[in-house]
Amino acid sequence: MSPSLRKAVAVAIGGGAVAIASVLITGPGGNDGLEGVSYILR
């Protein structure tokens, strides 16, 4: 696998992880960002 292709795959996986995390952090109440995180941690 070439370095540029490997980097593209890593970016795609990272972007997917961020998207999934933001969906999980945004709870049923629609909170997001720090509010969503502190809501989960409580």
PDB file of N, CA and C in Angstrom:
ATOM      1  N   MET A   1       0.857  -1.200   0.000  1.00  0.00           N
ATOM      2  CA  MET A   1       0.000   0.000   0.000  1.00  0.00           C
ATOM      3  C   MET A   1       0.887   1.242   0.000  1.00  0.00           C
ATOM      4  N   SER A   2       0.580   2.173  -0.871  1.00  0.00           N
ATOM      5  CA  SER A   2       1.406   3.378  -0.958  1.00  0.00           C
ATOM      6  C   SER A   2       1.118   4.312   0.213  1.00  0.00           C
ATOM      7  N   PRO A   3       2.102   5.132   0.604  1.00  0.00           N
ATOM      8  CA  PRO A   3       1.906   6.046   1.751  1.00  0.00           C
ATOM      9  C   PRO A   3       0.710   6.966   1.574  1.00  0.00           C
ATOM     10  N   SER A   4       0.488   7.467   0.348  1.00  0.00           N
ATOM     11  CA  SER A   4      -0.627   8.404   0.165  1.00  0.00           C
ATOM     12  C   SER A   4      -1.962   7.687   0.320  1.00  0.00           C
ATOM     13  N   LEU A   5      -2.035   6.452  -0.170  1.00  0.00           N
ATOM     14  CA  LEU A   5      -3.277   5.689  -0.025  1.00  0.00           C
ATOM     15  C   LEU A   5      -3.514   5.353   1.443  1.00  0.00           C
ATOM     16  N   ARG A   6      -2.437   4.983   2.140  1.00  0.00           N
ATOM     17  CA  ARG A   6      -2.555   4.661   3.563  1.00  0.00           C
ATOM     18  C   ARG A   6      -3.065   5.874   4.337  1.00  0.00           C
ATOM     19  N   LYS A   7      -2.546   7.059   3.994  1.00  0.00           N
ATOM     20  CA  LYS A   7      -2.977   8.286   4.677  1.00  0.00           C
ATOM     21  C   LYS A   7      -4.450   8.560   4.386  1.00  0.00           C
ATOM     22  N   ALA A   8      -4.871   8.341   3.143  1.00  0.00           N
ATOM     23  CA  ALA A   8      -6.275   8.572   2.779  1.00  0.00           C
ATOM     24  C   ALA A   8      -7.193   7.637   3.561  1.00  0.00           C
ATOM     25  N   VAL A   9      -6.776   6.379   3.706  1.00  0.00           N
ATOM     26  CA  VAL A   9      -7.580   5.414   4.466  1.00  0.00           C
ATOM     27  C   VAL A   9      -7.652   5.829   5.928  1.00  0.00           C
ATOM     28  N   ALA A  10      -6.516   6.272   6.491  1.00  0.00           N
ATOM     29  CA  ALA A  10      -6.494   6.701   7.888  1.00  0.00           C
ATOM     30  C   ALA A  10      -7.408   7.902   8.103  1.00  0.00           C
ATOM     31  N   VAL A  11      -7.399   8.838   7.164  1.00  0.00           N
ATOM     32  CA  VAL A  11      -8.263  10.018   7.278  1.00  0.00           C
ATOM     33  C   VAL A  11      -9.729   9.604   7.211  1.00  0.00           C
ATOM     34  N   ALA A  12     -10.046   8.659   6.312  1.00  0.00           N
ATOM     35  CA  ALA A  12     -11.429   8.202   6.174  1.00  0.00           C
ATOM     36  C   ALA A  12     -11.900   7.521   7.454  1.00  0.00           C
ATOM     37  N   ILE A  13     -11.040   6.674   8.040  1.00  0.00           N
ATOM     38  CA  ILE A  13     -11.401   5.988   9.285  1.00  0.00           C
ATOM     39  C   ILE A  13     -11.553   7.003  10.413  1.00  0.00           C
ATOM     40  N   GLY A  14     -10.629   7.957  10.493  1.00  0.00           N
ATOM     41  CA  GLY A  14     -10.707   8.991  11.525  1.00  0.00           C
ATOM     42  C   GLY A  14     -11.974   9.810  11.388  1.00  0.00           C
ATOM     43  N   GLY A  15     -12.316  10.184  10.164  1.00  0.00           N
ATOM     44  CA  GLY A  15     -13.539  10.958   9.939  1.00  0.00           C
ATOM     45  C   GLY A  15     -14.772  10.171  10.334  1.00  0.00           C
ATOM     46  N   GLY A  16     -14.784   8.874  10.020  1.00  0.00           N
ATOM     47  CA  GLY A  16     -15.910   8.029  10.403  1.00  0.00           C
ATOM     48  C   GLY A  16     -16.036   7.930  11.911  1.00  0.00           C
ATOM     49  N   ALA A  17     -14.893   7.804  12.603  1.00  0.00           N
ATOM     50  CA  ALA A  17     -14.915   7.711  14.063  1.00  0.00           C
ATOM     51  C   ALA A  17     -15.448   8.999  14.677  1.00  0.00           C
ATOM     52  N   VAL A  18     -15.045  10.139  14.120  1.00  0.00           N
ATOM     53  CA  VAL A  18     -15.530  11.425  14.634  1.00  0.00           C
ATOM     54  C   VAL A  18     -17.034  11.540  14.420  1.00  0.00           C
ATOM     55  N   ALA A  19     -17.506  11.098  13.254  1.00  0.00           N
ATOM     56  CA  ALA A  19     -18.943  11.168  12.966  1.00  0.00           C
ATOM     57  C   ALA A  19     -19.732  10.295  13.934  1.00  0.00           C
ATOM     58  N   ILE A  20     -19.237   9.074  14.186  1.00  0.00           N
ATOM     59  CA  ILE A  20     -19.921   8.168  15.111  1.00  0.00           C
ATOM     60  C   ILE A  20     -19.902   8.747  16.517  1.00  0.00           C
ATOM     61  N   ALA A  21     -18.743   9.284  16.941  1.00  0.00           N
ATOM     62  CA  ALA A  21     -18.638   9.852  18.287  1.00  0.00           C
ATOM     63  C   ALA A  21     -19.588  11.032  18.456  1.00  0.00           C
ATOM     64  N   SER A  22     -19.697  11.876  17.438  1.00  0.00           N
ATOM     65  CA  SER A  22     -20.580  13.035  17.565  1.00  0.00           C
ATOM     66  C   SER A  22     -22.034  12.596  17.631  1.00  0.00           C
ATOM     67  N   VAL A  23     -22.381  11.518  16.945  1.00  0.00           N
ATOM     68  CA  VAL A  23     -23.751  10.988  17.035  1.00  0.00           C
ATOM     69  C   VAL A  23     -24.002  10.449  18.441  1.00  0.00           C
ATOM     70  N   LEU A  24     -23.012   9.730  18.996  1.00  0.00           N
ATOM     71  CA  LEU A  24     -23.176   9.169  20.338  1.00  0.00           C
ATOM     72  C   LEU A  24     -23.234  10.272  21.386  1.00  0.00           C
ATOM     73  N   ILE A  25     -22.387  11.303  21.224  1.00  0.00           N
ATOM     74  CA  ILE A  25     -22.349  12.392  22.203  1.00  0.00           C
ATOM     75  C   ILE A  25     -23.653  13.182  22.146  1.00  0.00           C
ATOM     76  N   THR A  26     -24.222  13.338  20.942  1.00  0.00           N
ATOM     77  CA  THR A  26     -25.502  14.026  20.822  1.00  0.00           C
ATOM     78  C   THR A  26     -26.585  13.053  21.272  1.00  0.00           C
ATOM     79  N   GLY A  27     -27.012  13.190  22.497  1.00  0.00           N
ATOM     80  CA  GLY A  27     -27.950  12.241  23.090  1.00  0.00           C
ATOM     81  C   GLY A  27     -29.362  12.428  22.585  1.00  0.00           C
ATOM     82  N   PRO A  28     -30.299  11.660  23.140  1.00  0.00           N
ATOM     83  CA  PRO A  28     -31.698  11.746  22.730  1.00  0.00           C
ATOM     84  C   PRO A  28     -32.279  13.136  22.954  1.00  0.00           C
ATOM     85  N   GLY A  29     -31.721  13.875  23.908  1.00  0.00           N
ATOM     86  CA  GLY A  29     -32.218  15.216  24.182  1.00  0.00           C
ATOM     87  C   GLY A  29     -31.752  16.236  23.158  1.00  0.00           C
ATOM     88  N   GLY A  30     -30.861  15.842  22.252  1.00  0.00           N
ATOM     89  CA  GLY A  30     -30.374  16.759  21.240  1.00  0.00           C
ATOM     90  C   GLY A  30     -29.223  17.619  21.729  1.00  0.00           C
ATOM     91  N   ASN A  31     -28.699  17.346  22.914  1.00  0.00           N
ATOM     92  CA  ASN A  31     -27.540  18.099  23.401  1.00  0.00           C
ATOM     93  C   ASN A  31     -26.313  17.709  22.603  1.00  0.00           C
ATOM     94  N   ASP A  32     -25.401  18.658  22.426  1.00  0.00           N
ATOM     95  CA  ASP A  32     -24.168  18.317  21.750  1.00  0.00           C
ATOM     96  C   ASP A  32     -23.017  19.074  22.397  1.00  0.00           C
ATOM     97  N   GLY A  33     -21.805  18.757  21.951  1.00  0.00           N
ATOM     98  CA  GLY A  33     -20.633  19.430  22.492  1.00  0.00           C
ATOM     99  C   GLY A  33     -20.441  19.113  23.967  1.00  0.00           C
ATOM    100  N   LEU A  34     -20.032  20.109  24.740  1.00  0.00           N
ATOM    101  CA  LEU A  34     -19.717  19.894  26.152  1.00  0.00           C
ATOM    102  C   LEU A  34     -20.957  19.504  26.947  1.00  0.00           C
ATOM    103  N   GLU A  35     -22.100  20.061  26.603  1.00  0.00           N
ATOM    104  CA  GLU A  35     -23.324  19.707  27.316  1.00  0.00           C
ATOM    105  C   GLU A  35     -23.606  18.217  27.170  1.00  0.00           C
ATOM    106  N   GLY A  36     -23.466  17.715  25.948  1.00  0.00           N
ATOM    107  CA  GLY A  36     -23.709  16.300  25.710  1.00  0.00           C
ATOM    108  C   GLY A  36     -22.725  15.431  26.470  1.00  0.00           C
ATOM    109  N   VAL A  37     -21.450  15.848  26.511  1.00  0.00           N
ATOM    110  CA  VAL A  37     -20.432  15.060  27.199  1.00  0.00           C
ATOM    111  C   VAL A  37     -20.715  15.032  28.692  1.00  0.00           C
ATOM    112  N   SER A  38     -20.995  16.183  29.293  1.00  0.00           N
ATOM    113  CA  SER A  38     -21.226  16.199  30.731  1.00  0.00           C
ATOM    114  C   SER A  38     -22.526  15.475  31.070  1.00  0.00           C
ATOM    115  N   TYR A  39     -23.488  15.493  30.146  1.00  0.00           N
ATOM    116  CA  TYR A  39     -24.738  14.753  30.370  1.00  0.00           C
ATOM    117  C   TYR A  39     -24.452  13.258  30.460  1.00  0.00           C
ATOM    118  N   ILE A  40     -23.558  12.772  29.574  1.00  0.00           N
ATOM    119  CA  ILE A  40     -23.215  11.350  29.571  1.00  0.00           C
ATOM    120  C   ILE A  40     -22.400  11.001  30.817  1.00  0.00           C
ATOM    121  N   LEU A  41     -21.481  11.880  31.221  1.00  0.00           N
ATOM    122  CA  LEU A  41     -20.583  11.556  32.328  1.00  0.00           C
ATOM    123  C   LEU A  41     -21.301  11.561  33.670  1.00  0.00           C
ATOM    124  N   ARG A  42     -22.414  12.271  33.778  1.00  0.00           N
ATOM    125  CA  ARG A  42     -23.091  12.340  35.065  1.00  0.00           C
ATOM    126  C   ARG A  42     -23.741  11.029  35.427  1.00  0.00           C
TER     127      ARG A  42
END
